[in-house]
């Protein structure tokens, strides 16, 4: 835990800026310069003594930073610096490339790589006959050794002959493109909030019932559906970023840097 005495800055009582706002900004600077994600902050009592302030004023500054998701309270343990949420832009690009762009080391743990028969549900989603052979590819995606999402893809087996004869691909969409000529051209996503099941919670290292972002995707090559996927993202590590554009107005910003984990 950081020591309150090590926090630089002083409260200017003659300033027109509210005292709690001054403390909030002092703490914000201290966190940015000296506190890695997950580190504990000094207690309200220690901060109160360090700056000569009432506990209520210190709590007001802390509450403001909690509201901004800079820090978080853990009941019975204290106040900690939050890990920043990654902006999730749902586009047909590579998880590995996006994590590397962010300065993080991507990795994946293969949970299943097998052929299955399409259930009634999967057959409906992929617009196939029930019982059609599918390749099922399920992975736990990590960044800097921390679990980030669970992804499960279903691909008609006749589209990817021989795929299961080799080791699971490190980049599914790259293999589909380079080996089978299947370049995903467009897709449709359905995004909803859900709660972590016991099995998913165990994989993602979150509590059972913790909030997750669930994304179901149908990806197409021309008019043919080639991939149906379901992904579960940790809501404490992602926020959904959606650019909006009025119809008929030319975009003035480049939104090409978004990502989708595949």
C-alpha atoms as a PDB file:
ATOM      1  CA  UNK A   1       0.000   0.000   0.000  1.00  0.00           C
ATOM      2  CA  UNK A   2       1.191   3.500  -0.843  1.00  0.00           C
ATOM      3  CA  UNK A   3       2.022   5.736   2.107  1.00  0.00           C
ATOM      4  CA  UNK A   4      -0.035   8.914   2.460  1.00  0.00           C
ATOM      5  CA  UNK A   5       3.137  10.835   3.313  1.00  0.00           C
ATOM      6  CA  UNK A   6       4.536  10.086  -0.142  1.00  0.00           C
ATOM      7  CA  UNK A   7       1.728  11.936  -1.929  1.00  0.00           C
ATOM      8  CA  UNK A   8       2.925  15.266  -3.309  1.00  0.00           C
ATOM      9  CA  UNK A   9       0.763  18.368  -3.273  1.00  0.00           C
ATOM     10  CA  UNK A  10      -0.996  20.577  -0.764  1.00  0.00           C
ATOM     11  CA  UNK A  11      -4.480  21.953  -0.287  1.00  0.00           C
ATOM     12  CA  UNK A  12      -4.843  25.690  -0.962  1.00  0.00           C
ATOM     13  CA  UNK A  13      -7.579  26.812   1.397  1.00  0.00           C
ATOM     14  CA  UNK A  14      -7.567  30.314  -0.119  1.00  0.00           C
ATOM     15  CA  UNK A  15      -8.399  28.939  -3.545  1.00  0.00           C
ATOM     16  CA  UNK A  16     -11.880  29.210  -4.969  1.00  0.00           C
ATOM     17  CA  UNK A  17     -11.688  25.543  -5.992  1.00  0.00           C
ATOM     18  CA  UNK A  18     -13.570  23.238  -3.586  1.00  0.00           C
ATOM     19  CA  UNK A  19     -11.219  21.379  -1.253  1.00  0.00           C
ATOM     20  CA  UNK A  20     -12.478  17.944  -2.272  1.00  0.00           C
ATOM     21  CA  UNK A  21     -11.818  18.795  -5.934  1.00  0.00           C
ATOM     22  CA  UNK A  22      -8.235  19.817  -5.076  1.00  0.00           C
ATOM     23  CA  UNK A  23      -7.722  16.536  -3.241  1.00  0.00           C
ATOM     24  CA  UNK A  24      -9.301  14.590  -6.071  1.00  0.00           C
ATOM     25  CA  UNK A  25      -6.813  16.071  -8.554  1.00  0.00           C
ATOM     26  CA  UNK A  26      -3.860  15.510  -6.196  1.00  0.00           C
ATOM     27  CA  UNK A  27      -4.871  11.863  -5.897  1.00  0.00           C
ATOM     28  CA  UNK A  28      -5.446  11.564  -9.650  1.00  0.00           C
ATOM     29  CA  UNK A  29      -1.902  12.805 -10.352  1.00  0.00           C
ATOM     30  CA  UNK A  30      -0.450  10.517  -7.687  1.00  0.00           C
ATOM     31  CA  UNK A  31      -2.280   7.504  -9.139  1.00  0.00           C
ATOM     32  CA  UNK A  32      -1.160   8.287 -12.694  1.00  0.00           C
ATOM     33  CA  UNK A  33       2.482   8.748 -11.715  1.00  0.00           C
ATOM     34  CA  UNK A  34       3.026   6.269  -8.912  1.00  0.00           C
ATOM     35  CA  UNK A  35       0.309   3.610  -8.702  1.00  0.00           C
ATOM     36  CA  UNK A  36       0.093   0.646 -11.081  1.00  0.00           C
ATOM     37  CA  UNK A  37      -3.320  -0.992 -11.606  1.00  0.00           C
ATOM     38  CA  UNK A  38      -4.348  -3.103  -8.651  1.00  0.00           C
ATOM     39  CA  UNK A  39      -2.289  -1.186  -6.074  1.00  0.00           C
ATOM     40  CA  UNK A  40      -3.921  -0.090  -2.825  1.00  0.00           C
ATOM     41  CA  UNK A  41      -4.412   3.547  -1.873  1.00  0.00           C
ATOM     42  CA  UNK A  42      -3.886   4.927   1.639  1.00  0.00           C
ATOM     43  CA  UNK A  43      -6.912   4.700   3.907  1.00  0.00           C
ATOM     44  CA  UNK A  44      -9.314   7.606   4.332  1.00  0.00           C
ATOM     45  CA  UNK A  45      -7.944   8.024   7.842  1.00  0.00           C
ATOM     46  CA  UNK A  46      -4.352   8.319   6.603  1.00  0.00           C
ATOM     47  CA  UNK A  47      -5.360  10.754   3.862  1.00  0.00           C
ATOM     48  CA  UNK A  48      -7.317  12.807   6.374  1.00  0.00           C
ATOM     49  CA  UNK A  49      -4.254  13.089   8.614  1.00  0.00           C
ATOM     50  CA  UNK A  50      -1.887  13.771   5.693  1.00  0.00           C
ATOM     51  CA  UNK A  51      -3.894  16.728   4.347  1.00  0.00           C
ATOM     52  CA  UNK A  52      -5.541  17.900   7.563  1.00  0.00           C
ATOM     53  CA  UNK A  53      -9.033  17.337   6.242  1.00  0.00           C
ATOM     54  CA  UNK A  54     -12.261  15.944   7.601  1.00  0.00           C
ATOM     55  CA  UNK A  55     -12.950  12.302   6.713  1.00  0.00           C
ATOM     56  CA  UNK A  56     -16.141  13.423   4.945  1.00  0.00           C
ATOM     57  CA  UNK A  57     -14.130  15.646   2.577  1.00  0.00           C
ATOM     58  CA  UNK A  58     -11.664  12.827   1.847  1.00  0.00           C
ATOM     59  CA  UNK A  59     -14.548  10.440   1.209  1.00  0.00           C
ATOM     60  CA  UNK A  60     -16.080  12.941  -1.228  1.00  0.00           C
ATOM     61  CA  UNK A  61     -12.845  13.032  -3.250  1.00  0.00           C
ATOM     62  CA  UNK A  62     -12.591   9.239  -3.185  1.00  0.00           C
ATOM     63  CA  UNK A  63     -16.232   8.883  -4.235  1.00  0.00           C
ATOM     64  CA  UNK A  64     -15.592  11.141  -7.234  1.00  0.00           C
ATOM     65  CA  UNK A  65     -12.687   8.960  -8.415  1.00  0.00           C
ATOM     66  CA  UNK A  66     -14.724   5.801  -7.860  1.00  0.00           C
ATOM     67  CA  UNK A  67     -17.488   7.335  -9.982  1.00  0.00           C
ATOM     68  CA  UNK A  68     -14.975   8.010 -12.754  1.00  0.00           C
ATOM     69  CA  UNK A  69     -13.783   4.378 -12.518  1.00  0.00           C
ATOM     70  CA  UNK A  70     -10.244   5.493 -11.692  1.00  0.00           C
ATOM     71  CA  UNK A  71     -10.327   3.521  -8.451  1.00  0.00           C
ATOM     72  CA  UNK A  72     -12.626   0.954  -6.874  1.00  0.00           C
ATOM     73  CA  UNK A  73     -13.643  -0.015  -3.369  1.00  0.00           C
ATOM     74  CA  UNK A  74     -13.394  -3.633  -2.278  1.00  0.00           C
ATOM     75  CA  UNK A  75     -15.465  -4.283   0.819  1.00  0.00           C
ATOM     76  CA  UNK A  76     -13.299  -5.267   3.747  1.00  0.00           C
ATOM     77  CA  UNK A  77     -10.047  -4.687   1.877  1.00  0.00           C
ATOM     78  CA  UNK A  78      -9.792  -1.025   0.909  1.00  0.00           C
ATOM     79  CA  UNK A  79      -9.548   1.166  -2.192  1.00  0.00           C
ATOM     80  CA  UNK A  80      -7.568   0.066  -5.224  1.00  0.00           C
ATOM     81  CA  UNK A  81      -6.494   1.496  -8.574  1.00  0.00           C
ATOM     82  CA  UNK A  82      -8.712   0.042 -11.281  1.00  0.00           C
ATOM     83  CA  UNK A  83      -7.357  -1.703 -14.298  1.00  0.00           C
ATOM     84  CA  UNK A  84      -8.287   0.396 -17.336  1.00  0.00           C
ATOM     85  CA  UNK A  85     -11.098  -0.892 -19.512  1.00  0.00           C
ATOM     86  CA  UNK A  86     -10.259  -1.596 -23.137  1.00  0.00           C
ATOM     87  CA  UNK A  87     -12.534  -0.014 -25.703  1.00  0.00           C
ATOM     88  CA  UNK A  88     -14.254  -2.807 -27.605  1.00  0.00           C
ATOM     89  CA  UNK A  89     -14.944  -1.785 -31.189  1.00  0.00           C
ATOM     90  CA  UNK A  90     -16.713  -4.616 -32.933  1.00  0.00           C
ATOM     91  CA  UNK A  91     -14.997  -5.004 -36.298  1.00  0.00           C
ATOM     92  CA  UNK A  92     -13.592  -7.864 -38.346  1.00  0.00           C
ATOM     93  CA  UNK A  93      -9.960  -7.527 -37.315  1.00  0.00           C
ATOM     94  CA  UNK A  94      -7.420  -9.526 -35.319  1.00  0.00           C
ATOM     95  CA  UNK A  95      -7.350  -9.889 -31.553  1.00  0.00           C
ATOM     96  CA  UNK A  96      -3.585 -10.460 -31.625  1.00  0.00           C
ATOM     97  CA  UNK A  97      -2.945  -7.320 -33.652  1.00  0.00           C
ATOM     98  CA  UNK A  98      -5.150  -5.225 -31.378  1.00  0.00           C
ATOM     99  CA  UNK A  99      -3.508  -6.424 -28.174  1.00  0.00           C
ATOM    100  CA  UNK A 100      -0.037  -5.804 -29.647  1.00  0.00           C
ATOM    101  CA  UNK A 101      -1.110  -2.290 -30.659  1.00  0.00           C
ATOM    102  CA  UNK A 102      -2.019  -1.672 -27.045  1.00  0.00           C
ATOM    103  CA  UNK A 103       1.389  -2.894 -25.880  1.00  0.00           C
ATOM    104  CA  UNK A 104      -0.040  -6.112 -24.439  1.00  0.00           C
ATOM    105  CA  UNK A 105       1.064  -9.681 -25.092  1.00  0.00           C
ATOM    106  CA  UNK A 106      -1.772 -11.758 -26.601  1.00  0.00           C
ATOM    107  CA  UNK A 107      -2.182 -15.468 -26.019  1.00  0.00           C
ATOM    108  CA  UNK A 108      -4.867 -18.121 -26.314  1.00  0.00           C
ATOM    109  CA  UNK A 109      -5.654 -21.410 -24.620  1.00  0.00           C
ATOM    110  CA  UNK A 110      -7.491 -23.878 -26.852  1.00  0.00           C
ATOM    111  CA  UNK A 111     -10.463 -25.393 -25.040  1.00  0.00           C
ATOM    112  CA  UNK A 112     -11.796 -27.488 -27.914  1.00  0.00           C
ATOM    113  CA  UNK A 113     -10.982 -28.025 -31.589  1.00  0.00           C
ATOM    114  CA  UNK A 114     -13.232 -30.720 -32.975  1.00  0.00           C
ATOM    115  CA  UNK A 115     -15.953 -31.737 -35.383  1.00  0.00           C
ATOM    116  CA  UNK A 116     -19.524 -31.854 -34.127  1.00  0.00           C
ATOM    117  CA  UNK A 117     -22.966 -32.283 -35.654  1.00  0.00           C
ATOM    118  CA  UNK A 118     -25.064 -29.146 -35.892  1.00  0.00           C
ATOM    119  CA  UNK A 119     -27.749 -29.022 -33.230  1.00  0.00           C
ATOM    120  CA  UNK A 120     -31.124 -27.577 -34.107  1.00  0.00           C
ATOM    121  CA  UNK A 121     -30.002 -24.234 -32.687  1.00  0.00           C
ATOM    122  CA  UNK A 122     -26.671 -24.136 -34.575  1.00  0.00           C
ATOM    123  CA  UNK A 123     -28.320 -25.319 -37.780  1.00  0.00           C
ATOM    124  CA  UNK A 124     -30.765 -22.440 -37.544  1.00  0.00           C
ATOM    125  CA  UNK A 125     -28.029 -19.898 -36.826  1.00  0.00           C
ATOM    126  CA  UNK A 126     -25.849 -21.106 -39.725  1.00  0.00           C
ATOM    127  CA  UNK A 127     -28.782 -21.704 -42.082  1.00  0.00           C
ATOM    128  CA  UNK A 128     -27.889 -25.386 -42.506  1.00  0.00           C
ATOM    129  CA  UNK A 129     -29.568 -28.745 -42.095  1.00  0.00           C
ATOM    130  CA  UNK A 130     -29.580 -30.186 -38.591  1.00  0.00           C
ATOM    131  CA  UNK A 131     -26.738 -32.689 -38.224  1.00  0.00           C
ATOM    132  CA  UNK A 132     -24.454 -30.934 -40.730  1.00  0.00           C
ATOM    133  CA  UNK A 133     -20.787 -31.416 -39.698  1.00  0.00           C
ATOM    134  CA  UNK A 134     -19.281 -28.314 -38.096  1.00  0.00           C
ATOM    135  CA  UNK A 135     -15.824 -27.388 -36.856  1.00  0.00           C
ATOM    136  CA  UNK A 136     -16.061 -26.159 -33.279  1.00  0.00           C
ATOM    137  CA  UNK A 137     -13.175 -23.968 -32.104  1.00  0.00           C
ATOM    138  CA  UNK A 138     -13.363 -22.721 -28.517  1.00  0.00           C
ATOM    139  CA  UNK A 139     -10.624 -20.629 -26.876  1.00  0.00           C
ATOM    140  CA  UNK A 140      -9.795 -18.627 -23.814  1.00  0.00           C
ATOM    141  CA  UNK A 141      -8.177 -15.383 -24.971  1.00  0.00           C
ATOM    142  CA  UNK A 142      -5.606 -13.710 -22.741  1.00  0.00           C
ATOM    143  CA  UNK A 143      -3.602 -10.486 -22.637  1.00  0.00           C
ATOM    144  CA  UNK A 144      -0.499 -10.221 -20.446  1.00  0.00           C
ATOM    145  CA  UNK A 145      -1.481 -13.649 -19.055  1.00  0.00           C
ATOM    146  CA  UNK A 146      -4.855 -12.342 -17.837  1.00  0.00           C
ATOM    147  CA  UNK A 147      -8.071 -13.946 -19.151  1.00  0.00           C
ATOM    148  CA  UNK A 148     -10.076 -11.493 -21.232  1.00  0.00           C
ATOM    149  CA  UNK A 149     -12.749 -13.432 -23.123  1.00  0.00           C
ATOM    150  CA  UNK A 150     -14.047 -16.858 -24.067  1.00  0.00           C
ATOM    151  CA  UNK A 151     -14.659 -17.293 -27.803  1.00  0.00           C
ATOM    152  CA  UNK A 152     -16.445 -20.144 -29.563  1.00  0.00           C
ATOM    153  CA  UNK A 153     -16.629 -20.412 -33.370  1.00  0.00           C
ATOM    154  CA  UNK A 154     -18.709 -22.768 -35.500  1.00  0.00           C
ATOM    155  CA  UNK A 155     -17.743 -23.212 -39.154  1.00  0.00           C
ATOM    156  CA  UNK A 156     -19.336 -25.582 -41.698  1.00  0.00           C
ATOM    157  CA  UNK A 157     -16.805 -28.411 -42.087  1.00  0.00           C
ATOM    158  CA  UNK A 158     -17.196 -28.583 -45.855  1.00  0.00           C
ATOM    159  CA  UNK A 159     -15.865 -25.016 -46.051  1.00  0.00           C
ATOM    160  CA  UNK A 160     -12.578 -25.928 -44.363  1.00  0.00           C
ATOM    161  CA  UNK A 161     -11.528 -29.444 -45.478  1.00  0.00           C
ATOM    162  CA  UNK A 162      -8.445 -30.649 -43.607  1.00  0.00           C
ATOM    163  CA  UNK A 163      -8.526 -27.880 -40.985  1.00  0.00           C
ATOM    164  CA  UNK A 164      -8.744 -30.393 -38.141  1.00  0.00           C
ATOM    165  CA  UNK A 165      -5.786 -32.389 -39.481  1.00  0.00           C
ATOM    166  CA  UNK A 166      -3.388 -29.704 -38.290  1.00  0.00           C
ATOM    167  CA  UNK A 167      -2.738 -27.902 -35.007  1.00  0.00           C
ATOM    168  CA  UNK A 168      -5.332 -25.311 -33.918  1.00  0.00           C
ATOM    169  CA  UNK A 169      -4.646 -21.983 -35.632  1.00  0.00           C
ATOM    170  CA  UNK A 170      -3.263 -19.072 -33.675  1.00  0.00           C
ATOM    171  CA  UNK A 171      -5.332 -16.686 -35.816  1.00  0.00           C
ATOM    172  CA  UNK A 172      -8.543 -18.240 -37.105  1.00  0.00           C
ATOM    173  CA  UNK A 173      -9.435 -15.544 -39.617  1.00  0.00           C
ATOM    174  CA  UNK A 174      -5.904 -15.519 -41.071  1.00  0.00           C
ATOM    175  CA  UNK A 175      -6.075 -19.267 -41.695  1.00  0.00           C
ATOM    176  CA  UNK A 176      -9.539 -19.008 -43.219  1.00  0.00           C
ATOM    177  CA  UNK A 177      -8.285 -16.283 -45.537  1.00  0.00           C
ATOM    178  CA  UNK A 178      -4.855 -17.625 -46.497  1.00  0.00           C
ATOM    179  CA  UNK A 179      -5.579 -21.348 -46.706  1.00  0.00           C
ATOM    180  CA  UNK A 180      -9.220 -21.507 -47.718  1.00  0.00           C
ATOM    181  CA  UNK A 181      -9.756 -18.160 -49.450  1.00  0.00           C
ATOM    182  CA  UNK A 182     -12.518 -17.224 -47.018  1.00  0.00           C
ATOM    183  CA  UNK A 183     -12.141 -13.494 -46.413  1.00  0.00           C
ATOM    184  CA  UNK A 184     -14.850 -12.260 -44.062  1.00  0.00           C
ATOM    185  CA  UNK A 185     -16.500  -9.370 -45.854  1.00  0.00           C
ATOM    186  CA  UNK A 186     -19.283  -8.415 -43.502  1.00  0.00           C
ATOM    187  CA  UNK A 187     -21.075  -9.557 -40.419  1.00  0.00           C
ATOM    188  CA  UNK A 188     -23.952  -9.015 -38.030  1.00  0.00           C
ATOM    189  CA  UNK A 189     -23.484  -8.780 -34.275  1.00  0.00           C
ATOM    190  CA  UNK A 190     -25.979  -9.080 -31.467  1.00  0.00           C
ATOM    191  CA  UNK A 191     -24.654  -7.636 -28.187  1.00  0.00           C
ATOM    192  CA  UNK A 192     -26.243  -8.140 -24.804  1.00  0.00           C
ATOM    193  CA  UNK A 193     -25.422  -8.172 -21.122  1.00  0.00           C
ATOM    194  CA  UNK A 194     -25.303 -11.508 -19.371  1.00  0.00           C
ATOM    195  CA  UNK A 195     -24.111 -13.089 -16.126  1.00  0.00           C
ATOM    196  CA  UNK A 196     -21.146 -15.442 -15.859  1.00  0.00           C
ATOM    197  CA  UNK A 197     -22.085 -19.092 -15.550  1.00  0.00           C
ATOM    198  CA  UNK A 198     -19.991 -21.226 -13.174  1.00  0.00           C
ATOM    199  CA  UNK A 199     -17.893 -22.660 -16.033  1.00  0.00           C
ATOM    200  CA  UNK A 200     -17.321 -19.312 -17.753  1.00  0.00           C
ATOM    201  CA  UNK A 201     -16.607 -17.582 -14.437  1.00  0.00           C
ATOM    202  CA  UNK A 202     -13.919 -20.170 -13.700  1.00  0.00           C
ATOM    203  CA  UNK A 203     -12.239 -19.582 -17.059  1.00  0.00           C
ATOM    204  CA  UNK A 204     -12.366 -15.792 -16.833  1.00  0.00           C
ATOM    205  CA  UNK A 205     -11.391 -15.695 -13.160  1.00  0.00           C
ATOM    206  CA  UNK A 206     -14.485 -13.740 -12.126  1.00  0.00           C
ATOM    207  CA  UNK A 207     -17.276 -14.413  -9.670  1.00  0.00           C
ATOM    208  CA  UNK A 208     -20.262 -16.515 -10.686  1.00  0.00           C
ATOM    209  CA  UNK A 209     -22.918 -14.062 -11.845  1.00  0.00           C
ATOM    210  CA  UNK A 210     -20.400 -11.329 -12.666  1.00  0.00           C
ATOM    211  CA  UNK A 211     -21.491  -9.110 -15.588  1.00  0.00           C
ATOM    212  CA  UNK A 212     -20.215 -10.064 -19.037  1.00  0.00           C
ATOM    213  CA  UNK A 213     -20.661  -8.721 -22.548  1.00  0.00           C
ATOM    214  CA  UNK A 214     -22.040 -11.443 -24.805  1.00  0.00           C
ATOM    215  CA  UNK A 215     -21.553 -10.986 -28.550  1.00  0.00           C
ATOM    216  CA  UNK A 216     -23.073 -13.331 -31.104  1.00  0.00           C
ATOM    217  CA  UNK A 217     -21.727 -12.913 -34.621  1.00  0.00           C
ATOM    218  CA  UNK A 218     -22.735 -14.143 -38.054  1.00  0.00           C
ATOM    219  CA  UNK A 219     -19.877 -13.557 -40.518  1.00  0.00           C
ATOM    220  CA  UNK A 220     -20.278 -13.763 -44.286  1.00  0.00           C
ATOM    221  CA  UNK A 221     -18.259 -14.223 -47.450  1.00  0.00           C
ATOM    222  CA  UNK A 222     -20.399 -12.596 -50.122  1.00  0.00           C
ATOM    223  CA  UNK A 223     -23.875 -13.893 -49.242  1.00  0.00           C
ATOM    224  CA  UNK A 224     -22.706 -17.153 -47.698  1.00  0.00           C
ATOM    225  CA  UNK A 225     -22.519 -17.453 -43.924  1.00  0.00           C
ATOM    226  CA  UNK A 226     -19.167 -18.985 -43.002  1.00  0.00           C
ATOM    227  CA  UNK A 227     -18.852 -18.441 -39.259  1.00  0.00           C
ATOM    228  CA  UNK A 228     -21.164 -18.238 -36.284  1.00  0.00           C
ATOM    229  CA  UNK A 229     -19.456 -17.253 -33.040  1.00  0.00           C
ATOM    230  CA  UNK A 230     -20.336 -16.526 -29.428  1.00  0.00           C
ATOM    231  CA  UNK A 231     -17.965 -14.501 -27.251  1.00  0.00           C
ATOM    232  CA  UNK A 232     -18.079 -13.615 -23.573  1.00  0.00           C
ATOM    233  CA  UNK A 233     -16.063 -10.550 -22.558  1.00  0.00           C
ATOM    234  CA  UNK A 234     -15.251  -9.501 -19.014  1.00  0.00           C
ATOM    235  CA  UNK A 235     -17.302  -6.380 -18.394  1.00  0.00           C
ATOM    236  CA  UNK A 236     -14.720  -5.165 -15.881  1.00  0.00           C
ATOM    237  CA  UNK A 237     -12.073  -5.063 -18.622  1.00  0.00           C
ATOM    238  CA  UNK A 238     -14.075  -3.856 -21.632  1.00  0.00           C
ATOM    239  CA  UNK A 239     -16.344  -1.010 -22.558  1.00  0.00           C
ATOM    240  CA  UNK A 240     -18.258  -0.947 -25.822  1.00  0.00           C
ATOM    241  CA  UNK A 241     -17.317   1.912 -28.149  1.00  0.00           C
ATOM    242  CA  UNK A 242     -19.743   2.540 -31.024  1.00  0.00           C
ATOM    243  CA  UNK A 243     -19.131   5.373 -33.527  1.00  0.00           C
ATOM    244  CA  UNK A 244     -22.321   6.961 -34.834  1.00  0.00           C
ATOM    245  CA  UNK A 245     -22.807   8.626 -38.190  1.00  0.00           C
ATOM    246  CA  UNK A 246     -25.791  10.511 -39.523  1.00  0.00           C
ATOM    247  CA  UNK A 247     -26.942   8.994 -42.834  1.00  0.00           C
ATOM    248  CA  UNK A 248     -25.680  10.913 -45.854  1.00  0.00           C
ATOM    249  CA  UNK A 249     -22.909  12.704 -43.945  1.00  0.00           C
ATOM    250  CA  UNK A 250     -19.313  11.912 -44.867  1.00  0.00           C
ATOM    251  CA  UNK A 251     -17.263  10.693 -41.870  1.00  0.00           C
ATOM    252  CA  UNK A 252     -14.658  13.167 -40.599  1.00  0.00           C
ATOM    253  CA  UNK A 253     -12.766  10.632 -38.444  1.00  0.00           C
ATOM    254  CA  UNK A 254     -10.955   7.400 -39.203  1.00  0.00           C
ATOM    255  CA  UNK A 255     -12.477   4.520 -37.260  1.00  0.00           C
ATOM    256  CA  UNK A 256     -10.289   1.815 -38.805  1.00  0.00           C
ATOM    257  CA  UNK A 257      -8.466   0.932 -35.585  1.00  0.00           C
ATOM    258  CA  UNK A 258     -11.297  -1.042 -33.973  1.00  0.00           C
ATOM    259  CA  UNK A 259     -11.050  -4.704 -33.155  1.00  0.00           C
ATOM    260  CA  UNK A 260     -12.911  -7.924 -32.750  1.00  0.00           C
ATOM    261  CA  UNK A 261     -11.351 -10.944 -31.101  1.00  0.00           C
ATOM    262  CA  UNK A 262     -10.766 -13.661 -33.688  1.00  0.00           C
END
